[in-house]
Amino acid sequence: MLGRKSKSLAADKSDKIGRVLVFIYLALFFCFLVLPLFALMSKSMQNADGIFIGLENFVVYLKDPTLFKSFFHSLFVAFVSTVIVVFLGFLYAFALQCTCIPFKGFFRVVSLIPLLSPSILAAIALVYWFGNQGVFKELLLGNSIYGPIGIIMASVYWTFPHALMILSTSLSLSDARLYEASDALKASKLRTFFTVTLPGAKYGIISTTFVVFILVFTDFGVPKVIGGNYNVLATDIYREVVGMQNFQMGAVISIVLLIPALLAFALDQFFRKRQASQLTSRAVVYVPKPHKVRDNLLLCYCLFITALVLLMLGMAQFGALVKFWPYNLSLTLKHYNFEVAGLGWDSFYNSIRMSLWAAFFGTVIIFIGSYLIEKMRSDKSLRDVLQMIALMPMAIPGIVLGLAYIFFFNMKDNPLNFIYATMIILVINTIVHFYTVSHLSAITAIKKLDSEFESVSLSLKVPIYKMFFRVTLPVCLPTVFDIFIYLFCNAMTTVSGVIFLYSYDTTLASVSSIHLDEQGDVAGAAAMAMLIVYISFLVRGIHTIISTFLMKRTQAWRNI
């Protein structure tokens, strides 16, 4: 009887601590997500004097053919890029998961390299390949790379690995029993592909479509560098806010950009739930069988894609080393001196500091928040609200979130005004911007732990925090490391989320690359972009070494 009472007291204490933490997380989300978005919406309904005018700004926007045209430009490049990426990504994922081609590990690693580079690197490389002084400018048959062609080509490059990861996961879940049934019925390989492989991956394809569409539709870096006079919504926001100081119209365009992104996100979540409900415990992992013609064709295809990725990366690096393109092709390191004040090595070091802070604090905050949502025993309604808000950042474009932060944190009567134009606001913005993917990863890992761990802990009168550090954290350590490196790499490469928030002392490498290109120093922009690639690759390598070492020490139980 006494043991039950002690367990009940321990459980009550644990629930109280959990409830307090949930309220703290809700308050943080309210301050750093909900209120900034509300400030953005309020600004869109005000005039230049701050007086409420309702939807008049939206009417002005709809009547301006130049501004409204950008909406269809964004839709067009996003739609075309999505179709191309899904097609190319599916073939590549099929080659990796459903064939017997050699060097799969090499192909997988190379295909993910664009994740370590800012989106603007692809645009810069395309300028060297197909620009006015490009190597193969004749291949465009008189068309300019500065416009929709360049935006689509660069968008395909940097979104390809995002599509590949989703499609590879989808195809890896193929049920071998269906292929065995197809063989028994003597169906042709082509018929098996259309009746088994494609339907089995349909939800992955749908999810990839929405993810890529959102990424391209809301991207700022690529159209800023290579878009020329072909305006899209993201560049319109930047022009209205930075160029014309028209914050109200910038807020209006942000709302216009946000609505399709929210719709695509909602549809993606709907189809993800349907996919999860179709998984069964009886599924058998599919192991592909050799097929000479198919394997050779797809091997050639993978070699082709790999060559394109390396050529884009190689051209960006070559452009950063050439003295004066295209007249003096001798090599030099002078472009790494970054002669433009405020856009050089200080920006690079700022990016490293910001990325490390964002990765460290973001990992701690996200993992603890995920643990509260998944393992807290009481207040289900509170946990559901927290879970719903935790998913919101995925649907909010970075440039919209950044502009919302300007309107909210720059208000004089805001007690949090002191973080404006500091490194702190950049770290917070980055964590919020990339919160959702890391949160979902943590939730997935924590769900694998039986809830009985907490019950046993309470029965033995072991404080819940000790159980967290001795059991939960060690078991989920691989996911913790993945969250850290995900946040670091995205913090290094992000452009749209921070383009409005930096100050002279907190300029970041990705932003510097944009401004160097604006000032005509394309080689300097390429050099800065390549520095981002190298530091991301280095940290990724260090992460792999450390995590492998720690996994052997903390995950030995998996081999028992």
Protein backbone atom coordinates (compact mmCIF):
# COMPACT_ATOMS: atom_id res chain seq x y z
CA MET A 1 0.00 0.00 0.00
CA LEU A 2 2.85 2.32 0.93
CA GLY A 3 4.64 1.44 -2.33
CA ARG A 4 1.59 2.38 -4.38
CA LYS A 5 1.29 5.66 -2.51
CA SER A 6 4.95 6.48 -3.16
CA LYS A 7 4.55 5.64 -6.81
CA SER A 8 1.46 7.87 -6.99
CA LEU A 9 3.32 10.77 -5.35
CA ALA A 10 6.23 10.34 -7.75
CA ALA A 11 3.86 10.23 -10.70
CA ASP A 12 2.06 13.37 -9.54
CA LYS A 13 5.37 15.20 -9.14
CA SER A 14 6.46 14.07 -12.59
CA ASP A 15 3.15 15.21 -14.09
CA LYS A 16 3.44 18.64 -12.45
CA ILE A 17 6.96 19.13 -13.82
CA GLY A 18 5.81 17.98 -17.25
CA ARG A 19 2.82 20.30 -17.17
CA VAL A 20 5.02 23.28 -16.28
CA LEU A 21 7.41 22.44 -19.11
CA VAL A 22 4.55 22.14 -21.59
CA PHE A 23 3.29 25.60 -20.61
CA ILE A 24 6.83 26.96 -21.03
CA TYR A 25 7.02 25.46 -24.53
CA LEU A 26 3.61 26.86 -25.44
CA ALA A 27 4.72 30.29 -24.22
CA LEU A 28 7.90 30.07 -26.32
CA PHE A 29 5.95 29.10 -29.43
CA PHE A 30 3.50 31.89 -28.72
CA CYS A 31 6.31 34.47 -28.48
CA PHE A 32 8.48 33.25 -31.36
CA LEU A 33 5.92 31.93 -33.84
CA VAL A 34 2.29 32.91 -33.23
CA LEU A 35 2.77 36.55 -32.23
CA PRO A 36 5.22 37.34 -35.07
CA LEU A 37 2.76 35.91 -37.60
CA PHE A 38 -0.02 37.95 -36.03
CA ALA A 39 2.20 41.06 -36.33
CA LEU A 40 2.77 40.25 -40.01
CA MET A 41 -0.95 39.93 -40.64
CA SER A 42 -1.64 43.17 -38.78
CA LYS A 43 0.96 45.02 -40.84
CA SER A 44 -0.68 43.84 -44.06
CA MET A 45 -3.88 45.59 -42.98
CA GLN A 46 -2.31 48.94 -42.11
CA ASN A 47 -1.27 51.96 -44.14
CA ALA A 48 2.12 53.67 -43.96
CA ASP A 49 0.99 55.57 -40.84
CA GLY A 50 0.02 52.37 -39.02
CA ILE A 51 -3.74 52.97 -39.33
CA PHE A 52 -5.97 49.94 -39.88
CA ILE A 53 -7.41 49.91 -43.43
CA GLY A 54 -8.68 46.34 -43.71
CA LEU A 55 -8.06 44.59 -47.01
CA GLU A 56 -7.23 47.70 -49.06
CA ASN A 57 -3.60 46.66 -49.46
CA PHE A 58 -4.69 43.31 -50.87
CA VAL A 59 -6.96 45.10 -53.36
CA VAL A 60 -4.02 47.27 -54.46
CA TYR A 61 -1.93 44.14 -54.88
CA LEU A 62 -4.53 42.42 -57.04
CA LYS A 63 -4.90 45.50 -59.23
CA ASP A 64 -1.15 45.81 -59.84
CA PRO A 65 -0.41 43.57 -62.85
CA THR A 66 3.34 43.64 -62.19
CA LEU A 67 3.03 42.37 -58.64
CA PHE A 68 0.23 39.90 -59.33
CA LYS A 69 2.15 38.45 -62.29
CA SER A 70 4.86 37.28 -59.91
CA PHE A 71 2.36 34.90 -58.31
CA PHE A 72 1.96 33.01 -61.57
CA HIS A 73 5.71 33.11 -62.15
CA SER A 74 6.21 31.39 -58.78
CA LEU A 75 3.56 28.81 -59.61
CA PHE A 76 5.09 28.11 -63.00
CA VAL A 77 8.69 27.57 -61.90
CA ALA A 78 7.53 25.55 -58.89
CA PHE A 79 5.27 23.32 -61.00
CA VAL A 80 7.83 22.66 -63.75
CA SER A 81 10.67 22.09 -61.26
CA THR A 82 8.52 19.70 -59.24
CA VAL A 83 7.60 17.59 -62.27
CA ILE A 84 11.26 17.32 -63.33
CA VAL A 85 12.58 16.60 -59.85
CA VAL A 86 9.98 13.94 -59.05
CA PHE A 87 10.70 12.16 -62.33
CA LEU A 88 14.49 12.30 -61.99
CA GLY A 89 14.41 11.54 -58.28
CA PHE A 90 12.14 8.53 -58.69
CA LEU A 91 14.41 6.96 -61.34
CA TYR A 92 17.46 7.53 -59.15
CA ALA A 93 15.74 6.15 -56.04
CA PHE A 94 14.50 3.16 -58.04
CA ALA A 95 18.07 2.48 -59.19
CA LEU A 96 19.33 2.57 -55.59
CA GLN A 97 16.54 0.53 -54.03
CA CYS A 98 15.20 -1.82 -56.70
CA THR A 99 18.20 -2.79 -58.85
CA CYS A 100 21.56 -4.51 -58.44
CA ILE A 101 23.78 -1.73 -59.77
CA PRO A 102 27.26 -1.40 -58.19
CA PHE A 103 28.59 1.59 -56.21
CA LYS A 104 25.24 2.39 -54.62
CA GLY A 105 26.94 3.96 -51.61
CA PHE A 106 28.95 6.31 -53.82
CA PHE A 107 25.91 7.33 -55.83
CA ARG A 108 23.93 7.99 -52.66
CA VAL A 109 26.65 10.17 -51.10
CA VAL A 110 27.21 12.27 -54.23
CA SER A 111 23.49 12.81 -54.77
CA LEU A 112 23.17 14.29 -51.27
CA ILE A 113 25.99 16.84 -51.72
CA PRO A 114 23.56 19.67 -52.68
CA LEU A 115 22.19 19.45 -49.13
CA LEU A 116 25.52 20.80 -47.88
CA SER A 117 25.47 23.84 -50.15
CA PRO A 118 23.26 26.94 -50.25
CA SER A 119 20.74 27.02 -53.08
CA ILE A 120 22.55 30.00 -54.59
CA LEU A 121 25.60 27.82 -55.40
CA ALA A 122 23.65 26.12 -58.19
CA ALA A 123 22.64 29.49 -59.61
CA ILE A 124 26.23 30.73 -59.54
CA ALA A 125 27.49 27.57 -61.25
CA LEU A 126 24.86 27.94 -63.98
CA VAL A 127 26.04 31.50 -64.63
CA TYR A 128 29.51 30.13 -65.36
CA TRP A 129 28.10 27.35 -67.54
CA PHE A 130 25.38 29.20 -69.46
CA GLY A 131 25.65 32.92 -68.59
CA ASN A 132 26.53 35.72 -70.97
CA GLN A 133 30.18 34.62 -70.74
CA GLY A 134 29.35 30.97 -70.08
CA VAL A 135 31.11 27.92 -71.48
CA PHE A 136 28.02 26.48 -73.17
CA LYS A 137 25.79 29.53 -73.60
CA GLU A 138 25.12 28.47 -77.22
CA LEU A 139 23.26 25.41 -75.97
CA LEU A 140 20.39 27.64 -74.84
CA LEU A 141 19.69 28.54 -78.50
CA GLY A 142 19.57 32.27 -77.88
CA ASN A 143 17.58 32.03 -74.65
CA SER A 144 18.93 33.62 -71.49
CA ILE A 145 19.83 31.68 -68.37
CA TYR A 146 18.68 34.74 -66.38
CA GLY A 147 15.01 33.92 -66.03
CA PRO A 148 12.72 30.91 -65.69
CA ILE A 149 15.20 28.56 -67.39
CA GLY A 150 17.90 29.32 -64.86
CA ILE A 151 15.53 29.26 -61.89
CA ILE A 152 14.15 25.86 -62.89
CA MET A 153 17.58 24.33 -63.57
CA ALA A 154 19.04 25.56 -60.27
CA SER A 155 15.91 24.55 -58.34
CA VAL A 156 16.06 21.04 -59.76
CA TYR A 157 19.69 20.76 -58.61
CA TRP A 158 19.22 21.82 -54.98
CA THR A 159 15.86 20.10 -54.37
CA PHE A 160 16.90 16.78 -55.95
CA PRO A 161 18.32 15.26 -52.72
CA HIS A 162 15.18 16.25 -50.78
CA ALA A 163 13.09 14.29 -53.26
CA LEU A 164 15.54 11.40 -53.32
CA MET A 165 15.42 10.86 -49.55
CA ILE A 166 11.62 10.66 -49.47
CA LEU A 167 11.36 8.46 -52.56
CA SER A 168 14.15 6.13 -51.39
CA THR A 169 12.37 5.62 -48.08
CA SER A 170 9.11 4.95 -49.89
CA LEU A 171 10.64 2.37 -52.24
CA SER A 172 12.56 0.71 -49.41
CA LEU A 173 9.22 -0.27 -47.87
CA SER A 174 8.22 -2.35 -50.91
CA ASP A 175 6.62 -5.68 -49.97
CA ALA A 176 8.46 -8.65 -51.51
CA ARG A 177 5.28 -10.77 -51.43
CA LEU A 178 3.71 -8.63 -54.13
CA TYR A 179 6.70 -9.15 -56.42
CA GLU A 180 6.60 -12.89 -55.75
CA ALA A 181 2.92 -12.95 -56.68
CA SER A 182 3.69 -11.02 -59.86
CA ASP A 183 6.40 -13.54 -60.80
CA ALA A 184 4.03 -16.41 -60.09
CA LEU A 185 1.48 -14.87 -62.43
CA LYS A 186 4.24 -14.47 -65.08
CA ALA A 187 3.71 -10.71 -65.36
CA SER A 188 6.30 -8.80 -67.36
CA LYS A 189 8.78 -6.49 -65.62
CA LEU A 190 7.05 -3.46 -67.11
CA ARG A 191 3.64 -4.60 -65.93
CA THR A 192 5.06 -5.34 -62.47
CA PHE A 193 6.48 -1.83 -62.33
CA PHE A 194 3.14 -0.19 -63.13
CA THR A 195 0.99 -2.51 -61.00
CA VAL A 196 3.27 -3.09 -57.98
CA THR A 197 6.19 -0.66 -57.73
CA LEU A 198 4.45 2.55 -58.73
CA PRO A 199 1.26 2.03 -56.65
CA GLY A 200 3.37 1.01 -53.66
CA ALA A 201 5.31 4.27 -53.83
CA LYS A 202 2.38 6.54 -54.66
CA TYR A 203 2.20 8.22 -51.26
CA GLY A 204 5.94 8.84 -51.34
CA ILE A 205 5.55 10.42 -54.76
CA ILE A 206 2.67 12.58 -53.54
CA SER A 207 4.63 13.68 -50.48
CA THR A 208 7.69 14.45 -52.62
CA THR A 209 5.55 16.52 -54.96
CA PHE A 210 4.27 18.74 -52.17
CA VAL A 211 7.65 19.08 -50.44
CA VAL A 212 9.51 20.05 -53.61
CA PHE A 213 6.73 22.42 -54.65
CA ILE A 214 6.91 24.25 -51.31
CA LEU A 215 10.71 24.44 -51.44
CA VAL A 216 10.80 25.96 -54.93
CA PHE A 217 7.70 28.14 -54.52
CA THR A 218 9.10 29.82 -51.41
CA ASP A 219 12.82 29.94 -52.34
CA PHE A 220 14.56 33.30 -52.41
CA GLY A 221 18.24 32.57 -53.15
CA VAL A 222 17.98 31.06 -56.64
CA PRO A 223 15.63 33.66 -58.23
CA LYS A 224 17.60 36.46 -56.56
CA VAL A 225 20.87 35.36 -58.21
CA ILE A 226 19.71 34.05 -61.58
CA GLY A 227 16.13 35.27 -61.96
CA GLY A 228 17.01 38.48 -63.79
CA ASN A 229 13.83 40.45 -64.51
CA TYR A 230 11.66 37.37 -63.95
CA ASN A 231 10.17 38.32 -60.59
CA VAL A 232 8.69 35.78 -58.18
CA LEU A 233 6.91 36.30 -54.87
CA ALA A 234 10.01 35.87 -52.70
CA THR A 235 12.03 38.44 -54.63
CA ASP A 236 9.03 40.81 -54.67
CA ILE A 237 8.95 40.71 -50.88
CA TYR A 238 12.65 41.54 -50.74
CA ARG A 239 12.29 44.37 -53.25
CA GLU A 240 9.30 45.91 -51.50
CA VAL A 241 10.89 45.76 -48.04
CA VAL A 242 14.56 46.48 -48.76
CA GLY A 243 14.35 48.42 -52.01
CA MET A 244 11.18 50.46 -51.57
CA GLN A 245 10.71 50.37 -47.77
CA ASN A 246 7.07 49.44 -48.42
CA PHE A 247 6.61 47.15 -45.42
CA GLN A 248 2.85 46.95 -45.81
CA MET A 249 3.04 45.57 -49.35
CA GLY A 250 5.85 43.25 -48.28
CA ALA A 251 3.51 41.86 -45.63
CA VAL A 252 0.71 41.47 -48.19
CA ILE A 253 2.93 39.49 -50.58
CA SER A 254 4.13 37.39 -47.64
CA ILE A 255 0.53 36.39 -46.90
CA VAL A 256 0.03 35.57 -50.58
CA LEU A 257 3.17 33.41 -50.48
CA LEU A 258 2.09 31.75 -47.25
CA ILE A 259 -1.37 30.58 -48.34
CA PRO A 260 -0.31 28.11 -51.12
CA ALA A 261 2.48 26.83 -48.86
CA LEU A 262 -0.02 26.14 -46.06
CA LEU A 263 -2.39 24.40 -48.48
CA ALA A 264 0.37 22.19 -49.87
CA PHE A 265 1.51 21.35 -46.34
CA ALA A 266 -2.03 20.41 -45.26
CA LEU A 267 -2.45 18.12 -48.26
CA ASP A 268 0.95 16.55 -47.58
CA GLN A 269 -0.02 15.79 -43.98
CA PHE A 270 -3.32 14.29 -45.14
CA PHE A 271 -1.61 11.86 -47.52
CA ARG A 272 1.13 11.03 -44.98
CA LYS A 273 -1.54 9.83 -42.54
CA ARG A 274 -3.10 7.64 -45.21
CA GLN A 275 0.29 6.16 -45.99
CA ALA A 276 0.94 5.28 -42.37
CA SER A 277 -2.39 3.48 -42.08
CA GLN A 278 -1.48 1.12 -44.92
CA LEU A 279 1.70 -0.28 -43.33
CA THR A 280 1.38 -3.86 -42.09
CA SER A 281 3.52 -5.99 -39.78
CA ARG A 282 3.50 -8.89 -42.26
CA ALA A 283 5.37 -7.04 -44.99
CA VAL A 284 8.57 -8.69 -46.26
CA VAL A 285 11.55 -6.57 -47.32
CA TYR A 286 12.06 -6.65 -51.07
CA VAL A 287 15.49 -7.78 -52.29
CA PRO A 288 16.03 -6.98 -55.99
CA LYS A 289 17.25 -9.62 -58.45
CA PRO A 290 19.82 -8.91 -61.18
CA HIS A 291 18.51 -7.84 -64.58
CA LYS A 292 21.31 -7.04 -67.00
CA VAL A 293 19.57 -4.59 -69.34
CA ARG A 294 17.72 -2.68 -66.60
CA ASP A 295 20.75 -2.52 -64.31
CA ASN A 296 23.08 -1.29 -67.04
CA LEU A 297 20.66 1.40 -68.19
CA LEU A 298 20.09 2.68 -64.68
CA LEU A 299 23.81 2.52 -63.92
CA CYS A 300 24.38 4.86 -66.87
CA TYR A 301 21.61 7.12 -65.61
CA CYS A 302 23.14 7.29 -62.10
CA LEU A 303 26.54 8.06 -63.62
CA PHE A 304 24.95 10.86 -65.64
CA ILE A 305 23.24 12.44 -62.61
CA THR A 306 26.40 12.05 -60.53
CA ALA A 307 28.44 13.75 -63.26
CA LEU A 308 25.98 16.68 -63.36
CA VAL A 309 26.21 17.16 -59.59
CA LEU A 310 30.01 17.07 -59.63
CA LEU A 311 30.19 19.36 -62.67
CA MET A 312 28.01 21.96 -60.96
CA LEU A 313 30.09 21.79 -57.80
CA GLY A 314 33.36 21.74 -59.75
CA MET A 315 32.41 24.75 -61.85
CA ALA A 316 31.53 26.78 -58.77
CA GLN A 317 34.93 25.98 -57.29
CA PHE A 318 36.74 26.65 -60.57
CA GLY A 319 35.01 30.01 -60.89
CA ALA A 320 36.16 30.90 -57.36
CA LEU A 321 39.79 30.17 -58.32
CA VAL A 322 39.98 31.82 -61.75
CA LYS A 323 41.65 35.26 -61.87
CA PHE A 324 39.28 36.93 -64.32
CA TRP A 325 36.54 34.91 -66.02
CA PRO A 326 36.65 34.16 -68.95
CA TYR A 327 39.71 36.16 -70.09
CA ASN A 328 42.34 34.99 -67.62
CA LEU A 329 41.79 31.41 -66.50
CA SER A 330 44.94 31.11 -64.42
CA LEU A 331 44.29 30.09 -60.83
CA THR A 332 44.47 32.32 -57.78
CA LEU A 333 43.20 32.52 -54.21
CA LYS A 334 42.59 36.27 -54.31
CA HIS A 335 38.80 35.86 -54.42
CA TYR A 336 38.98 34.38 -50.92
CA ASN A 337 40.24 37.73 -49.63
CA PHE A 338 36.69 39.11 -50.00
CA GLU A 339 37.65 42.73 -50.60
CA VAL A 340 34.11 44.02 -50.01
CA ALA A 341 33.89 45.29 -46.41
CA GLY A 342 31.62 43.31 -44.11
CA LEU A 343 31.10 40.46 -46.56
CA GLY A 344 34.23 38.41 -45.95
CA TRP A 345 35.66 36.04 -43.38
CA ASP A 346 33.81 37.68 -40.50
CA SER A 347 30.56 36.61 -42.14
CA PHE A 348 31.87 33.07 -42.49
CA TYR A 349 32.85 32.89 -38.82
CA ASN A 350 29.48 34.37 -37.86
CA SER A 351 27.77 31.57 -39.76
CA ILE A 352 29.79 28.92 -37.95
CA ARG A 353 28.98 30.42 -34.55
CA MET A 354 25.32 30.85 -35.36
CA SER A 355 25.05 27.31 -36.75
CA LEU A 356 26.73 25.76 -33.70
CA TRP A 357 24.49 27.67 -31.29
CA ALA A 358 21.38 26.83 -33.30
CA ALA A 359 22.36 23.16 -33.54
CA PHE A 360 23.17 22.84 -29.83
CA PHE A 361 20.23 24.72 -28.32
CA GLY A 362 17.87 23.52 -31.05
CA THR A 363 18.72 19.87 -30.40
CA VAL A 364 18.13 20.26 -26.65
CA ILE A 365 14.87 22.18 -27.04
CA ILE A 366 13.46 19.98 -29.79
CA PHE A 367 14.28 16.65 -28.14
CA ILE A 368 12.89 17.64 -24.74
CA GLY A 369 9.77 19.07 -26.38
CA SER A 370 9.24 15.86 -28.34
CA TYR A 371 9.70 13.83 -25.17
CA LEU A 372 7.04 15.87 -23.39
CA ILE A 373 4.55 15.39 -26.22
CA GLU A 374 5.13 11.66 -26.51
CA LYS A 375 5.75 10.55 -22.91
CA MET A 376 3.82 12.92 -20.66
CA ARG A 377 0.95 10.93 -19.16
CA SER A 378 -1.61 13.66 -18.43
CA ASP A 379 -3.08 16.72 -20.16
CA LYS A 380 -3.51 15.16 -23.58
CA SER A 381 -5.25 18.27 -24.89
CA LEU A 382 -2.22 20.42 -24.01
CA ARG A 383 0.10 17.95 -25.69
CA ASP A 384 -2.08 17.92 -28.80
CA VAL A 385 -1.94 21.72 -29.00
CA LEU A 386 1.84 21.63 -28.61
CA GLN A 387 2.12 18.98 -31.32
CA MET A 388 -0.04 21.01 -33.71
CA ILE A 389 2.05 24.14 -33.18
CA ALA A 390 5.29 22.15 -33.55
CA LEU A 391 4.21 21.19 -37.08
CA MET A 392 3.46 24.77 -38.14
CA PRO A 393 7.02 25.94 -38.99
CA MET A 394 7.26 23.46 -41.87
CA ALA A 395 4.48 25.32 -43.68
CA ILE A 396 5.90 28.81 -43.12
CA PRO A 397 8.40 30.06 -45.75
CA GLY A 398 11.66 31.31 -44.27
CA ILE A 399 11.37 34.77 -45.82
CA VAL A 400 7.86 35.13 -44.35
CA LEU A 401 9.05 34.12 -40.89
CA GLY A 402 11.99 36.53 -41.13
CA LEU A 403 9.75 39.44 -42.10
CA ALA A 404 7.33 38.56 -39.30
CA TYR A 405 10.24 38.75 -36.84
CA ILE A 406 11.06 42.27 -38.08
CA PHE A 407 7.52 43.53 -37.44
CA PHE A 408 7.22 41.87 -34.02
CA PHE A 409 10.65 42.23 -32.40
CA ASN A 410 11.33 45.72 -33.76
CA MET A 411 8.35 47.15 -31.89
CA LYS A 412 9.58 49.55 -29.20
CA ASP A 413 7.09 48.37 -26.59
CA ASN A 414 8.08 44.73 -27.06
CA PRO A 415 10.02 43.52 -23.99
CA LEU A 416 11.97 41.20 -26.30
CA ASN A 417 13.12 44.10 -28.47
CA PHE A 418 16.66 43.75 -27.10
CA ILE A 419 17.29 40.63 -29.23
CA TYR A 420 16.58 42.50 -32.48
CA ALA A 421 19.63 42.80 -34.80
CA THR A 422 21.65 40.41 -32.61
CA MET A 423 22.97 36.90 -33.06
CA ILE A 424 20.25 35.70 -30.69
CA ILE A 425 17.41 36.45 -33.09
CA LEU A 426 19.25 34.64 -35.90
CA VAL A 427 19.64 31.55 -33.71
CA ILE A 428 15.99 31.61 -32.62
CA ASN A 429 14.74 32.15 -36.16
CA THR A 430 16.83 29.24 -37.45
CA ILE A 431 15.62 26.87 -34.73
CA VAL A 432 11.97 27.79 -35.34
CA HIS A 433 12.36 27.62 -39.14
CA PHE A 434 13.77 24.07 -39.08
CA TYR A 435 11.92 22.86 -36.00
CA THR A 436 9.36 20.53 -37.56
CA VAL A 437 11.57 18.02 -39.39
CA SER A 438 13.80 17.58 -36.33
CA HIS A 439 10.73 17.30 -34.11
CA LEU A 440 9.24 14.54 -36.26
CA SER A 441 12.56 12.66 -36.19
CA ALA A 442 12.69 12.87 -32.40
CA ILE A 443 9.06 11.79 -32.04
CA THR A 444 9.72 8.74 -34.23
CA ALA A 445 12.70 7.71 -32.11
CA ILE A 446 10.95 8.25 -28.78
CA LYS A 447 7.90 6.29 -29.91
CA LYS A 448 10.08 3.18 -30.15
CA LEU A 449 10.56 3.23 -26.36
CA ASP A 450 7.98 1.26 -24.40
CA SER A 451 5.94 3.39 -22.02
CA GLU A 452 6.68 0.80 -19.34
CA PHE A 453 10.09 2.41 -18.86
CA GLU A 454 8.44 5.37 -17.16
CA SER A 455 6.17 3.11 -15.09
CA VAL A 456 9.10 1.04 -13.85
CA SER A 457 11.03 4.22 -13.06
CA LEU A 458 8.18 5.51 -10.92
CA SER A 459 7.78 2.14 -9.19
CA LEU A 460 11.46 2.14 -8.23
CA LYS A 461 11.19 5.77 -7.05
CA VAL A 462 13.75 6.83 -9.65
CA PRO A 463 13.25 10.49 -10.64
CA ILE A 464 11.98 10.86 -14.16
CA TYR A 465 14.94 13.06 -15.13
CA LYS A 466 17.37 10.27 -14.17
CA MET A 467 15.45 7.80 -16.30
CA PHE A 468 15.58 10.33 -19.14
CA PHE A 469 19.37 10.68 -18.99
CA ARG A 470 20.12 7.01 -18.29
CA VAL A 471 17.66 5.33 -20.66
CA THR A 472 15.85 7.61 -23.09
CA LEU A 473 18.77 9.77 -24.15
CA PRO A 474 21.31 6.93 -24.68
CA VAL A 475 18.81 4.87 -26.68
CA CYS A 476 17.89 7.85 -28.87
CA LEU A 477 21.46 9.11 -29.23
CA PRO A 478 21.66 8.37 -32.99
CA THR A 479 18.61 10.57 -33.59
CA VAL A 480 20.01 13.30 -31.33
CA PHE A 481 23.17 13.43 -33.45
CA ASP A 482 21.12 13.47 -36.65
CA ILE A 483 19.10 16.43 -35.36
CA PHE A 484 22.30 18.30 -34.49
CA ILE A 485 23.87 17.89 -37.91
CA TYR A 486 20.57 18.64 -39.66
CA LEU A 487 20.25 21.94 -37.82
CA PHE A 488 23.90 22.86 -38.34
CA CYS A 489 23.92 22.25 -42.10
CA ASN A 490 20.62 24.04 -42.63
CA ALA A 491 21.77 26.98 -40.51
CA MET A 492 24.91 27.26 -42.65
CA THR A 493 23.04 27.16 -45.95
CA THR A 494 19.83 29.09 -45.19
CA VAL A 495 19.28 32.37 -47.00
CA SER A 496 15.60 33.30 -46.99
CA GLY A 497 15.11 32.87 -43.25
CA VAL A 498 17.83 35.35 -42.28
CA ILE A 499 17.94 37.81 -45.19
CA PHE A 500 16.00 40.46 -43.20
CA LEU A 501 17.41 39.80 -39.73
CA TYR A 502 21.16 40.30 -39.88
CA SER A 503 22.98 43.47 -38.88
CA TYR A 504 26.39 44.78 -39.93
CA ASP A 505 28.02 42.77 -37.12
CA THR A 506 26.05 39.56 -37.74
CA THR A 507 26.22 39.15 -41.51
CA LEU A 508 26.19 35.45 -42.44
CA ALA A 509 28.07 33.60 -45.16
CA SER A 510 24.99 32.76 -47.21
CA VAL A 511 23.83 36.38 -47.09
CA SER A 512 27.31 37.59 -48.00
CA SER A 513 27.29 35.35 -51.05
CA ILE A 514 24.04 36.99 -52.18
CA HIS A 515 25.40 40.51 -51.71
CA LEU A 516 28.75 39.72 -53.34
CA ASP A 517 26.86 38.56 -56.41
CA GLU A 518 24.70 41.72 -56.29
CA GLN A 519 27.85 43.83 -56.43
CA GLY A 520 29.18 41.95 -59.44
CA ASP A 521 31.74 39.85 -57.59
CA VAL A 522 30.50 36.49 -58.85
CA ALA A 523 33.83 34.80 -58.12
CA GLY A 524 33.70 36.04 -54.52
CA ALA A 525 30.13 34.78 -54.21
CA ALA A 526 31.23 31.38 -55.51
CA ALA A 527 34.15 31.33 -53.08
CA MET A 528 31.88 32.05 -50.12
CA ALA A 529 29.37 29.40 -51.25
CA MET A 530 32.16 26.83 -51.53
CA LEU A 531 33.37 27.68 -48.03
CA ILE A 532 29.90 26.80 -46.79
CA VAL A 533 30.13 23.46 -48.62
CA TYR A 534 33.55 22.67 -47.15
CA ILE A 535 32.67 23.51 -43.55
CA SER A 536 29.39 21.59 -43.81
CA PHE A 537 31.25 18.60 -45.24
CA LEU A 538 33.92 18.84 -42.52
CA VAL A 539 31.42 19.03 -39.67
CA ARG A 540 29.45 16.20 -41.26
CA GLY A 541 32.61 14.08 -41.32
CA ILE A 542 33.45 14.91 -37.69
CA HIS A 543 29.86 14.12 -36.76
CA THR A 544 30.13 10.73 -38.47
CA ILE A 545 33.38 9.84 -36.67
CA ILE A 546 32.19 10.93 -33.22
CA SER A 547 28.75 9.38 -33.59
CA THR A 548 30.25 6.08 -34.78
CA PHE A 549 32.53 5.99 -31.74
CA LEU A 550 29.75 6.84 -29.31
CA MET A 551 27.33 4.43 -30.97
CA LYS A 552 29.69 1.55 -30.26
CA ARG A 553 29.81 2.53 -26.59
CA THR A 554 26.13 3.32 -26.07
CA GLN A 555 24.33 1.09 -28.58
CA ALA A 556 25.97 -2.27 -27.88
CA TRP A 557 22.63 -3.55 -26.61
CA ARG A 558 21.32 -3.50 -30.19
CA ASN A 559 23.63 -6.41 -31.09
CA ILE A 560 22.56 -8.61 -28.20
